[in-house]
Amino acid sequence: MERAQRFGHVVMLGPTNAGKSTLLNHLIGQKVSIVSPKPQTTRNSISGILTDGDAQLVFLDTPGLHRQKRGIAPLLLRSAYAALTQADVVLVLLDAARFAGRPDALAAELRPIAKAVGTGHVPVVVACNKCDLIKEKARLLPLLAAVGEALPGAELFPVSALTGMGVTEMLAAITQRLPEGPHQYDPDEVSTAPVRFLAGEIVREKLFLALGEELPYSTAVTVELWDEKSQPGLTKIACSILVARESHKPMVIGKGGARIKDIGQKARLDIEEMLGSKVFLELWVKVRPGWADDPALLRELGLGE
C-alpha cells in the first residue's frame, strides 16, 4: 500500500540573526538564501523546496523580526507577517545561545510572534537554534520553559543549523504536520525564485560580508543584464549596486577597485556553482538617493506592496 503524499508551505519566522537562512540552506543542501552575520540581510520571503520521500516542503525564509521603524524596516516586517497567510506549518527560529539564561528578554521577543501565530489554526514548531554554542545544556531549561509558556502547543527542538544537530527530528515533526496532497514541483527543483534573482542575492551577500560595519544598509542590487545565448557555455551577467549617497560609492569600490573586484570574484564563483556553467560577472556602482522610497524600484526588488 502506497503512503499518501504530503505537500505544504513552511513559513520560517523569528528575530533577526536567528539563523533562518543557514537552516534553510542546510535543509535544501545548497545555497538558496544569503547568509550574513548582520541583522536584516534577508529582505524577501525566499523559498526553498525540499522533496523528502513522500513529502514535499516549500520553506519560506522571511525577513527577521525587529523593532526598527526607519527605512525599509516596516516593509520587511509586513513582508514577514504576510507570508503567514501561506503557512501550513510555522517554524519559529530562536537564537538559543543569545537567550540562554535570559528568559525575560526572550519573552519580549516572543510576544509579537505569539500574537501572529496564536490563533491555533496552524501548527507551530519551534527550533531553538545555535545550541552547539551552549556548553552547559541546563541553561536551556529556562529558555524552553519561556517558549512553552508563550507558545503553548508548539513542539520544541534544540537544534544547530550549522552542525545539523536535532534537524532530522525537527524535520520529521514538521513533515507529520503537513496536509496530504500531491507534490507541486519536480523533485530536483530547489527554489521557486528565478536564478536571476538568486544571482543578485549572491552579489548582495558578498557585498554585506565585504563592507563589515563601514556602510549602512542603504544598498541594493539589481540585475541589469542576463545573457546565456551570445556565447554558448558562458552566462554574462551585469549587476548594479545601488547606494544612497555619493560618499558611499568609494566605500564599495575600494582603493584601486580592490573591494569591488573581490566582491565580484567571490560572487562569480558562487553563481557558477549554482548555474553549473562559466559566468562573466560585471558590477557597477550607482548612486540612487532615496531608493528605499521608490515604489517602482521596490517592486523590481520584490519588496513592493
C-alpha atoms as a PDB file:
ATOM      1  CA  MET A   1       0.000   0.000   0.000  1.00  0.00           C
ATOM      2  CA  GLU A   2       1.446   3.363  -1.071  1.00  0.00           C
ATOM      3  CA  ARG A   3       1.784   6.089   1.517  1.00  0.00           C
ATOM      4  CA  ALA A   4      -0.134   9.293   0.827  1.00  0.00           C
ATOM      5  CA  GLN A   5       1.910  12.204  -0.465  1.00  0.00           C
ATOM      6  CA  ARG A   6       2.202  15.313   1.627  1.00  0.00           C
ATOM      7  CA  PHE A   7       2.728  18.875   0.417  1.00  0.00           C
ATOM      8  CA  GLY A   8       2.766  22.187   2.236  1.00  0.00           C
ATOM      9  CA  HIS A   9       4.339  25.575   2.919  1.00  0.00           C
ATOM     10  CA  VAL A  10       6.515  26.056   5.994  1.00  0.00           C
ATOM     11  CA  VAL A  11       6.941  29.706   6.993  1.00  0.00           C
ATOM     12  CA  MET A  12      10.159  30.391   8.896  1.00  0.00           C
ATOM     13  CA  LEU A  13       9.654  33.191  11.397  1.00  0.00           C
ATOM     14  CA  GLY A  14      11.931  34.652  14.045  1.00  0.00           C
ATOM     15  CA  PRO A  15      14.071  37.561  15.240  1.00  0.00           C
ATOM     16  CA  THR A  16      16.998  38.816  13.175  1.00  0.00           C
ATOM     17  CA  ASN A  17      20.145  36.662  13.208  1.00  0.00           C
ATOM     18  CA  ALA A  18      18.301  33.593  14.491  1.00  0.00           C
ATOM     19  CA  GLY A  19      19.862  31.515  11.713  1.00  0.00           C
ATOM     20  CA  LYS A  20      16.854  31.055   9.399  1.00  0.00           C
ATOM     21  CA  SER A  21      18.885  31.355   6.197  1.00  0.00           C
ATOM     22  CA  THR A  22      21.596  28.994   7.470  1.00  0.00           C
ATOM     23  CA  LEU A  23      18.972  26.405   8.398  1.00  0.00           C
ATOM     24  CA  LEU A  24      17.186  26.753   5.049  1.00  0.00           C
ATOM     25  CA  ASN A  25      20.425  26.216   3.120  1.00  0.00           C
ATOM     26  CA  HIS A  26      21.236  23.204   5.321  1.00  0.00           C
ATOM     27  CA  LEU A  27      17.825  21.646   4.677  1.00  0.00           C
ATOM     28  CA  ILE A  28      17.902  22.193   0.916  1.00  0.00           C
ATOM     29  CA  GLY A  29      21.528  21.108   0.600  1.00  0.00           C
ATOM     30  CA  GLN A  30      22.654  24.185  -1.306  1.00  0.00           C
ATOM     31  CA  LYS A  31      22.526  27.958  -1.036  1.00  0.00           C
ATOM     32  CA  VAL A  32      19.119  29.464  -1.755  1.00  0.00           C
ATOM     33  CA  SER A  33      19.218  32.252   0.851  1.00  0.00           C
ATOM     34  CA  ILE A  34      22.074  34.590   1.668  1.00  0.00           C
ATOM     35  CA  VAL A  35      23.861  34.289   4.992  1.00  0.00           C
ATOM     36  CA  SER A  36      25.469  37.166   6.851  1.00  0.00           C
ATOM     37  CA  PRO A  37      26.294  37.939  10.489  1.00  0.00           C
ATOM     38  CA  LYS A  38      24.385  41.198  10.062  1.00  0.00           C
ATOM     39  CA  PRO A  39      20.726  41.605  11.001  1.00  0.00           C
ATOM     40  CA  GLN A  40      18.062  42.167   8.326  1.00  0.00           C
ATOM     41  CA  THR A  41      20.038  40.575   5.493  1.00  0.00           C
ATOM     42  CA  THR A  42      17.003  38.661   4.246  1.00  0.00           C
ATOM     43  CA  ARG A  43      14.686  41.179   2.585  1.00  0.00           C
ATOM     44  CA  ASN A  44      12.358  38.885   0.628  1.00  0.00           C
ATOM     45  CA  SER A  45      10.467  35.733   1.505  1.00  0.00           C
ATOM     46  CA  ILE A  46      12.970  33.359  -0.094  1.00  0.00           C
ATOM     47  CA  SER A  47      11.637  29.913  -0.907  1.00  0.00           C
ATOM     48  CA  GLY A  48      13.450  26.600  -0.747  1.00  0.00           C
ATOM     49  CA  ILE A  49      11.914  23.342  -1.951  1.00  0.00           C
ATOM     50  CA  LEU A  50      12.729  20.086  -0.199  1.00  0.00           C
ATOM     51  CA  THR A  51      11.438  16.804  -1.608  1.00  0.00           C
ATOM     52  CA  ASP A  52      11.941  14.102   1.011  1.00  0.00           C
ATOM     53  CA  GLY A  53      10.377  10.791   0.029  1.00  0.00           C
ATOM     54  CA  ASP A  54       6.579  11.141   0.121  1.00  0.00           C
ATOM     55  CA  ALA A  55       6.744  14.727   1.384  1.00  0.00           C
ATOM     56  CA  GLN A  56       7.468  17.974  -0.411  1.00  0.00           C
ATOM     57  CA  LEU A  57       8.036  21.059   1.716  1.00  0.00           C
ATOM     58  CA  VAL A  58       8.255  24.636   0.471  1.00  0.00           C
ATOM     59  CA  PHE A  59      10.147  26.665   3.074  1.00  0.00           C
ATOM     60  CA  LEU A  60       9.719  30.450   3.131  1.00  0.00           C
ATOM     61  CA  ASP A  61      12.662  32.260   4.736  1.00  0.00           C
ATOM     62  CA  THR A  62      11.165  35.581   5.837  1.00  0.00           C
ATOM     63  CA  PRO A  63      12.895  38.820   6.889  1.00  0.00           C
ATOM     64  CA  GLY A  64      13.904  38.792  10.553  1.00  0.00           C
ATOM     65  CA  LEU A  65      11.512  40.358  13.031  1.00  0.00           C
ATOM     66  CA  HIS A  66      12.841  43.529  14.625  1.00  0.00           C
ATOM     67  CA  ARG A  67      11.720  46.782  16.247  1.00  0.00           C
ATOM     68  CA  GLN A  68      13.189  49.359  13.874  1.00  0.00           C
ATOM     69  CA  LYS A  69      10.779  51.837  12.304  1.00  0.00           C
ATOM     70  CA  ARG A  70      13.000  53.593   9.749  1.00  0.00           C
ATOM     71  CA  GLY A  71      13.918  52.991   6.121  1.00  0.00           C
ATOM     72  CA  ILE A  72      12.612  49.761   4.605  1.00  0.00           C
ATOM     73  CA  ALA A  73      12.325  48.111   8.046  1.00  0.00           C
ATOM     74  CA  PRO A  74       8.500  48.416   8.279  1.00  0.00           C
ATOM     75  CA  LEU A  75       8.209  46.968   4.765  1.00  0.00           C
ATOM     76  CA  LEU A  76      10.324  43.982   5.778  1.00  0.00           C
ATOM     77  CA  LEU A  77       8.108  43.352   8.793  1.00  0.00           C
ATOM     78  CA  ARG A  78       4.983  43.432   6.648  1.00  0.00           C
ATOM     79  CA  SER A  79       6.632  41.005   4.239  1.00  0.00           C
ATOM     80  CA  ALA A  80       7.413  38.563   7.061  1.00  0.00           C
ATOM     81  CA  TYR A  81       3.911  38.618   8.517  1.00  0.00           C
ATOM     82  CA  ALA A  82       2.255  38.478   5.077  1.00  0.00           C
ATOM     83  CA  ALA A  83       3.967  35.138   4.450  1.00  0.00           C
ATOM     84  CA  LEU A  84       1.942  33.619   7.297  1.00  0.00           C
ATOM     85  CA  THR A  85      -1.140  33.598   5.074  1.00  0.00           C
ATOM     86  CA  GLN A  86       0.536  30.802   3.061  1.00  0.00           C
ATOM     87  CA  ALA A  87       1.578  28.702   6.055  1.00  0.00           C
ATOM     88  CA  ASP A  88       0.592  25.090   6.575  1.00  0.00           C
ATOM     89  CA  VAL A  89       3.198  24.930   9.367  1.00  0.00           C
ATOM     90  CA  VAL A  90       5.016  27.779  11.092  1.00  0.00           C
ATOM     91  CA  LEU A  91       8.640  27.144  12.049  1.00  0.00           C
ATOM     92  CA  VAL A  92       9.775  29.646  14.670  1.00  0.00           C
ATOM     93  CA  LEU A  93      13.547  30.027  14.956  1.00  0.00           C
ATOM     94  CA  LEU A  94      15.203  31.462  18.059  1.00  0.00           C
ATOM     95  CA  ASP A  95      18.830  32.129  18.896  1.00  0.00           C
ATOM     96  CA  ALA A  96      19.209  29.896  21.949  1.00  0.00           C
ATOM     97  CA  ALA A  97      22.803  30.997  22.563  1.00  0.00           C
ATOM     98  CA  ARG A  98      21.694  34.612  22.775  1.00  0.00           C
ATOM     99  CA  PHE A  99      18.809  33.981  25.174  1.00  0.00           C
ATOM    100  CA  ALA A 100      20.154  31.133  27.323  1.00  0.00           C
ATOM    101  CA  GLY A 101      19.893  32.334  30.894  1.00  0.00           C
ATOM    102  CA  ARG A 102      17.828  35.372  29.796  1.00  0.00           C
ATOM    103  CA  PRO A 103      14.236  34.077  29.594  1.00  0.00           C
ATOM    104  CA  ASP A 104      12.804  37.536  30.351  1.00  0.00           C
ATOM    105  CA  ALA A 105      14.499  39.024  27.276  1.00  0.00           C
ATOM    106  CA  LEU A 106      13.247  36.124  25.187  1.00  0.00           C
ATOM    107  CA  ALA A 107       9.690  36.672  26.386  1.00  0.00           C
ATOM    108  CA  ALA A 108       9.741  40.197  24.902  1.00  0.00           C
ATOM    109  CA  GLU A 109      10.922  38.812  21.535  1.00  0.00           C
ATOM    110  CA  LEU A 110       8.218  36.143  21.565  1.00  0.00           C
ATOM    111  CA  ARG A 111       5.235  38.437  22.164  1.00  0.00           C
ATOM    112  CA  PRO A 112       4.767  39.622  18.543  1.00  0.00           C
ATOM    113  CA  ILE A 113       5.389  36.088  17.268  1.00  0.00           C
ATOM    114  CA  ALA A 114       2.850  34.624  19.680  1.00  0.00           C
ATOM    115  CA  LYS A 115       0.337  37.287  18.626  1.00  0.00           C
ATOM    116  CA  ALA A 116       0.895  36.475  14.940  1.00  0.00           C
ATOM    117  CA  VAL A 117       0.606  32.682  15.230  1.00  0.00           C
ATOM    118  CA  GLY A 118      -1.519  32.400  18.350  1.00  0.00           C
ATOM    119  CA  THR A 119      -4.810  31.615  16.619  1.00  0.00           C
ATOM    120  CA  GLY A 120      -4.077  27.888  16.884  1.00  0.00           C
ATOM    121  CA  HIS A 121      -5.212  27.211  13.314  1.00  0.00           C
ATOM    122  CA  VAL A 122      -1.686  26.478  12.037  1.00  0.00           C
ATOM    123  CA  PRO A 123       0.720  24.010  13.715  1.00  0.00           C
ATOM    124  CA  VAL A 124       3.810  25.635  15.239  1.00  0.00           C
ATOM    125  CA  VAL A 125       7.244  24.038  15.598  1.00  0.00           C
ATOM    126  CA  VAL A 126       9.973  25.918  17.463  1.00  0.00           C
ATOM    127  CA  ALA A 127      13.668  25.426  16.721  1.00  0.00           C
ATOM    128  CA  CYS A 128      15.962  26.733  19.466  1.00  0.00           C
ATOM    129  CA  ASN A 129      18.983  27.227  17.242  1.00  0.00           C
ATOM    130  CA  LYS A 130      22.734  27.519  17.944  1.00  0.00           C
ATOM    131  CA  CYS A 131      22.569  25.003  20.799  1.00  0.00           C
ATOM    132  CA  ASP A 132      26.039  23.831  19.809  1.00  0.00           C
ATOM    133  CA  LEU A 133      27.344  27.086  21.320  1.00  0.00           C
ATOM    134  CA  ILE A 134      25.845  26.362  24.750  1.00  0.00           C
ATOM    135  CA  LYS A 135      28.231  24.258  26.818  1.00  0.00           C
ATOM    136  CA  GLU A 136      26.017  23.905  29.889  1.00  0.00           C
ATOM    137  CA  LYS A 137      22.818  22.411  28.490  1.00  0.00           C
ATOM    138  CA  ALA A 138      20.989  23.085  31.776  1.00  0.00           C
ATOM    139  CA  ARG A 139      20.923  26.745  30.703  1.00  0.00           C
ATOM    140  CA  LEU A 140      18.414  25.735  28.033  1.00  0.00           C
ATOM    141  CA  LEU A 141      15.747  24.760  30.542  1.00  0.00           C
ATOM    142  CA  PRO A 142      14.530  28.301  31.459  1.00  0.00           C
ATOM    143  CA  LEU A 143      14.538  29.178  27.754  1.00  0.00           C
ATOM    144  CA  LEU A 144      12.436  26.146  26.819  1.00  0.00           C
ATOM    145  CA  ALA A 145      10.041  26.933  29.650  1.00  0.00           C
ATOM    146  CA  ALA A 146       9.646  30.527  28.400  1.00  0.00           C
ATOM    147  CA  VAL A 147       8.943  29.299  24.865  1.00  0.00           C
ATOM    148  CA  GLY A 148       6.408  26.770  26.141  1.00  0.00           C
ATOM    149  CA  GLU A 149       4.600  29.461  28.092  1.00  0.00           C
ATOM    150  CA  ALA A 150       4.498  31.921  25.174  1.00  0.00           C
ATOM    151  CA  LEU A 151       3.615  29.333  22.519  1.00  0.00           C
ATOM    152  CA  PRO A 152       1.557  26.619  24.207  1.00  0.00           C
ATOM    153  CA  GLY A 153       1.004  23.615  21.998  1.00  0.00           C
ATOM    154  CA  ALA A 154       4.158  24.203  19.949  1.00  0.00           C
ATOM    155  CA  GLU A 155       6.686  21.384  19.694  1.00  0.00           C
ATOM    156  CA  LEU A 156      10.209  22.415  20.739  1.00  0.00           C
ATOM    157  CA  PHE A 157      13.517  21.215  19.320  1.00  0.00           C
ATOM    158  CA  PRO A 158      17.047  22.205  20.389  1.00  0.00           C
ATOM    159  CA  VAL A 159      18.968  22.338  17.082  1.00  0.00           C
ATOM    160  CA  SER A 160      22.080  23.618  15.365  1.00  0.00           C
ATOM    161  CA  ALA A 161      21.654  24.762  11.770  1.00  0.00           C
ATOM    162  CA  LEU A 162      25.442  24.821  11.486  1.00  0.00           C
ATOM    163  CA  THR A 163      26.174  21.250  12.605  1.00  0.00           C
ATOM    164  CA  GLY A 164      22.800  19.645  11.825  1.00  0.00           C
ATOM    165  CA  MET A 165      22.178  18.620  15.437  1.00  0.00           C
ATOM    166  CA  GLY A 166      18.475  17.928  16.022  1.00  0.00           C
ATOM    167  CA  VAL A 167      17.493  18.983  12.488  1.00  0.00           C
ATOM    168  CA  THR A 168      16.372  15.496  11.384  1.00  0.00           C
ATOM    169  CA  GLU A 169      13.985  15.192  14.338  1.00  0.00           C
ATOM    170  CA  MET A 170      12.658  18.716  13.752  1.00  0.00           C
ATOM    171  CA  LEU A 171      12.084  17.985  10.055  1.00  0.00           C
ATOM    172  CA  ALA A 172      10.185  14.779  10.875  1.00  0.00           C
ATOM    173  CA  ALA A 173       7.850  16.725  13.187  1.00  0.00           C
ATOM    174  CA  ILE A 174       7.184  19.343  10.501  1.00  0.00           C
ATOM    175  CA  THR A 175       6.533  16.682   7.861  1.00  0.00           C
ATOM    176  CA  GLN A 176       3.977  14.918  10.071  1.00  0.00           C
ATOM    177  CA  ARG A 177       2.008  18.159  10.282  1.00  0.00           C
ATOM    178  CA  LEU A 178       1.801  18.770   6.530  1.00  0.00           C
ATOM    179  CA  PRO A 179      -1.544  18.232   4.839  1.00  0.00           C
ATOM    180  CA  GLU A 180      -1.921  15.367   2.412  1.00  0.00           C
ATOM    181  CA  GLY A 181      -1.736  16.383  -1.226  1.00  0.00           C
ATOM    182  CA  PRO A 182       0.189  15.917  -4.475  1.00  0.00           C
ATOM    183  CA  HIS A 183       3.638  17.428  -4.966  1.00  0.00           C
ATOM    184  CA  GLN A 184       3.654  20.693  -6.908  1.00  0.00           C
ATOM    185  CA  TYR A 185       7.289  20.749  -8.074  1.00  0.00           C
ATOM    186  CA  ASP A 186       9.740  18.422  -9.754  1.00  0.00           C
ATOM    187  CA  PRO A 187      11.951  16.556  -7.241  1.00  0.00           C
ATOM    188  CA  ASP A 188      15.117  18.311  -8.495  1.00  0.00           C
ATOM    189  CA  GLU A 189      13.751  21.850  -8.041  1.00  0.00           C
ATOM    190  CA  VAL A 190      15.232  23.629  -5.018  1.00  0.00           C
ATOM    191  CA  SER A 191      13.634  27.087  -5.153  1.00  0.00           C
ATOM    192  CA  THR A 192      10.712  28.947  -6.671  1.00  0.00           C
ATOM    193  CA  ALA A 193      12.907  32.049  -7.046  1.00  0.00           C
ATOM    194  CA  PRO A 194      14.358  32.604 -10.545  1.00  0.00           C
ATOM    195  CA  VAL A 195      18.113  32.127 -10.875  1.00  0.00           C
ATOM    196  CA  ARG A 196      18.413  35.762 -11.959  1.00  0.00           C
ATOM    197  CA  PHE A 197      17.059  36.853  -8.557  1.00  0.00           C
ATOM    198  CA  LEU A 198      19.285  34.366  -6.695  1.00  0.00           C
ATOM    199  CA  ALA A 199      22.363  35.681  -8.548  1.00  0.00           C
ATOM    200  CA  GLY A 200      21.560  39.209  -7.376  1.00  0.00           C
ATOM    201  CA  GLU A 201      21.163  37.915  -3.823  1.00  0.00           C
ATOM    202  CA  ILE A 202      24.587  36.265  -4.007  1.00  0.00           C
ATOM    203  CA  VAL A 203      26.145  39.589  -5.038  1.00  0.00           C
ATOM    204  CA  ARG A 204      24.347  41.282  -2.133  1.00  0.00           C
ATOM    205  CA  GLU A 205      25.660  38.664   0.291  1.00  0.00           C
ATOM    206  CA  LYS A 206      29.275  39.246  -0.780  1.00  0.00           C
ATOM    207  CA  LEU A 207      28.673  42.994  -0.575  1.00  0.00           C
ATOM    208  CA  PHE A 208      27.457  42.755   3.021  1.00  0.00           C
ATOM    209  CA  LEU A 209      30.339  40.495   4.030  1.00  0.00           C
ATOM    210  CA  ALA A 210      32.942  42.756   2.413  1.00  0.00           C
ATOM    211  CA  LEU A 211      31.688  46.030   3.863  1.00  0.00           C
ATOM    212  CA  GLY A 212      31.669  44.995   7.517  1.00  0.00           C
ATOM    213  CA  GLU A 213      30.407  47.895   9.609  1.00  0.00           C
ATOM    214  CA  GLU A 214      31.587  50.516   7.129  1.00  0.00           C
ATOM    215  CA  LEU A 215      28.401  51.075   5.169  1.00  0.00           C
ATOM    216  CA  PRO A 216      24.804  51.471   6.349  1.00  0.00           C
ATOM    217  CA  TYR A 217      22.040  49.264   4.994  1.00  0.00           C
ATOM    218  CA  SER A 218      21.278  51.709   2.192  1.00  0.00           C
ATOM    219  CA  THR A 219      22.419  49.322  -0.551  1.00  0.00           C
ATOM    220  CA  ALA A 220      20.555  47.197  -3.054  1.00  0.00           C
ATOM    221  CA  VAL A 221      21.469  45.045  -6.055  1.00  0.00           C
ATOM    222  CA  THR A 222      19.644  44.930  -9.393  1.00  0.00           C
ATOM    223  CA  VAL A 223      20.429  42.560 -12.271  1.00  0.00           C
ATOM    224  CA  GLU A 224      20.663  44.672 -15.441  1.00  0.00           C
ATOM    225  CA  LEU A 225      21.824  42.031 -17.942  1.00  0.00           C
ATOM    226  CA  TRP A 226      21.432  38.250 -18.229  1.00  0.00           C
ATOM    227  CA  ASP A 227      22.790  36.768 -21.452  1.00  0.00           C
ATOM    228  CA  GLU A 228      23.059  32.996 -21.921  1.00  0.00           C
ATOM    229  CA  LYS A 229      22.810  32.993 -25.730  1.00  0.00           C
ATOM    230  CA  SER A 230      25.557  35.114 -27.278  1.00  0.00           C
ATOM    231  CA  GLN A 231      28.344  32.763 -26.144  1.00  0.00           C
ATOM    232  CA  PRO A 232      27.378  29.106 -25.514  1.00  0.00           C
ATOM    233  CA  GLY A 233      28.620  27.765 -22.176  1.00  0.00           C
ATOM    234  CA  LEU A 234      29.053  31.269 -20.737  1.00  0.00           C
ATOM    235  CA  THR A 235      26.440  33.337 -18.874  1.00  0.00           C
ATOM    236  CA  LYS A 236      27.090  37.075 -18.980  1.00  0.00           C
ATOM    237  CA  ILE A 237      25.633  38.970 -16.033  1.00  0.00           C
ATOM    238  CA  ALA A 238      25.754  42.667 -15.189  1.00  0.00           C
ATOM    239  CA  CYS A 239      24.587  43.919 -11.803  1.00  0.00           C
ATOM    240  CA  SER A 240      24.220  47.409 -10.407  1.00  0.00           C
ATOM    241  CA  ILE A 241      24.975  48.024  -6.757  1.00  0.00           C
ATOM    242  CA  LEU A 242      22.809  50.918  -5.628  1.00  0.00           C
ATOM    243  CA  VAL A 243      23.995  53.248  -2.876  1.00  0.00           C
ATOM    244  CA  ALA A 244      22.119  56.170  -1.378  1.00  0.00           C
ATOM    245  CA  ARG A 245      24.953  58.718  -1.286  1.00  0.00           C
ATOM    246  CA  GLU A 246      27.909  59.716  -3.430  1.00  0.00           C
ATOM    247  CA  SER A 247      30.186  59.255  -0.404  1.00  0.00           C
ATOM    248  CA  HIS A 248      29.194  55.563  -0.245  1.00  0.00           C
ATOM    249  CA  LYS A 249      30.416  54.836  -3.760  1.00  0.00           C
ATOM    250  CA  PRO A 250      34.174  54.732  -2.982  1.00  0.00           C
ATOM    251  CA  MET A 251      33.461  52.523   0.053  1.00  0.00           C
ATOM    252  CA  VAL A 252      32.044  49.857  -2.242  1.00  0.00           C
ATOM    253  CA  ILE A 253      34.689  50.273  -4.947  1.00  0.00           C
ATOM    254  CA  GLY A 254      37.647  50.276  -2.549  1.00  0.00           C
ATOM    255  CA  LYS A 255      41.178  51.509  -3.137  1.00  0.00           C
ATOM    256  CA  GLY A 256      42.084  50.988  -6.759  1.00  0.00           C
ATOM    257  CA  GLY A 257      38.863  48.999  -7.229  1.00  0.00           C
ATOM    258  CA  ALA A 258      40.162  46.208  -4.974  1.00  0.00           C
ATOM    259  CA  ARG A 259      36.976  45.766  -2.923  1.00  0.00           C
ATOM    260  CA  ILE A 260      34.509  45.547  -5.792  1.00  0.00           C
ATOM    261  CA  LYS A 261      36.879  43.195  -7.614  1.00  0.00           C
ATOM    262  CA  ASP A 262      36.944  40.910  -4.561  1.00  0.00           C
ATOM    263  CA  ILE A 263      33.128  41.061  -4.253  1.00  0.00           C
ATOM    264  CA  GLY A 264      32.796  40.176  -7.923  1.00  0.00           C
ATOM    265  CA  GLN A 265      35.243  37.264  -7.800  1.00  0.00           C
ATOM    266  CA  LYS A 266      33.565  35.652  -4.781  1.00  0.00           C
ATOM    267  CA  ALA A 267      30.066  36.189  -6.174  1.00  0.00           C
ATOM    268  CA  ARG A 268      31.062  34.774  -9.563  1.00  0.00           C
ATOM    269  CA  LEU A 269      32.300  31.526  -8.007  1.00  0.00           C
ATOM    270  CA  ASP A 270      29.029  31.011  -6.112  1.00  0.00           C
ATOM    271  CA  ILE A 271      26.919  31.849  -9.171  1.00  0.00           C
ATOM    272  CA  GLU A 272      28.952  29.429 -11.296  1.00  0.00           C
ATOM    273  CA  GLU A 273      28.333  26.701  -8.735  1.00  0.00           C
ATOM    274  CA  MET A 274      24.605  27.480  -8.750  1.00  0.00           C
ATOM    275  CA  LEU A 275      24.321  27.514 -12.561  1.00  0.00           C
ATOM    276  CA  GLY A 276      26.808  24.753 -13.299  1.00  0.00           C
ATOM    277  CA  SER A 277      28.411  26.870 -16.021  1.00  0.00           C
ATOM    278  CA  LYS A 278      31.010  29.576 -16.542  1.00  0.00           C
ATOM    279  CA  VAL A 279      29.990  33.137 -15.685  1.00  0.00           C
ATOM    280  CA  PHE A 280      31.239  36.559 -16.714  1.00  0.00           C
ATOM    281  CA  LEU A 281      30.102  38.957 -13.994  1.00  0.00           C
ATOM    282  CA  GLU A 282      30.290  42.725 -14.277  1.00  0.00           C
ATOM    283  CA  LEU A 283      29.480  45.013 -11.339  1.00  0.00           C
ATOM    284  CA  TRP A 284      28.666  48.706 -11.430  1.00  0.00           C
ATOM    285  CA  VAL A 285      28.095  51.081  -8.514  1.00  0.00           C
ATOM    286  CA  LYS A 286      25.339  53.650  -8.996  1.00  0.00           C
ATOM    287  CA  VAL A 287      24.205  56.439  -6.695  1.00  0.00           C
ATOM    288  CA  ARG A 288      20.417  56.320  -6.256  1.00  0.00           C
ATOM    289  CA  PRO A 289      19.336  58.689  -3.461  1.00  0.00           C
ATOM    290  CA  GLY A 290      16.169  57.584  -1.705  1.00  0.00           C
ATOM    291  CA  TRP A 291      15.954  54.244  -3.499  1.00  0.00           C
ATOM    292  CA  ALA A 292      14.177  52.768  -0.474  1.00  0.00           C
ATOM    293  CA  ASP A 293      11.316  55.224  -1.040  1.00  0.00           C
ATOM    294  CA  ASP A 294      10.895  54.429  -4.741  1.00  0.00           C
ATOM    295  CA  PRO A 295       7.803  52.178  -5.158  1.00  0.00           C
ATOM    296  CA  ALA A 296       8.784  51.108  -8.694  1.00  0.00           C
ATOM    297  CA  LEU A 297      12.262  50.039  -7.619  1.00  0.00           C
ATOM    298  CA  LEU A 298      10.929  48.262  -4.525  1.00  0.00           C
ATOM    299  CA  ARG A 299       8.576  46.275  -6.764  1.00  0.00           C
ATOM    300  CA  GLU A 300      11.529  45.423  -9.019  1.00  0.00           C
ATOM    301  CA  LEU A 301      13.412  44.157  -5.952  1.00  0.00           C
ATOM    302  CA  GLY A 302      10.385  42.104  -4.914  1.00  0.00           C
ATOM    303  CA  LEU A 303       9.669  44.351  -1.924  1.00  0.00           C
ATOM    304  CA  GLY A 304       6.747  46.393  -3.213  1.00  0.00           C
ATOM    305  CA  GLU A 305       3.212  46.136  -1.928  1.00  0.00           C
END
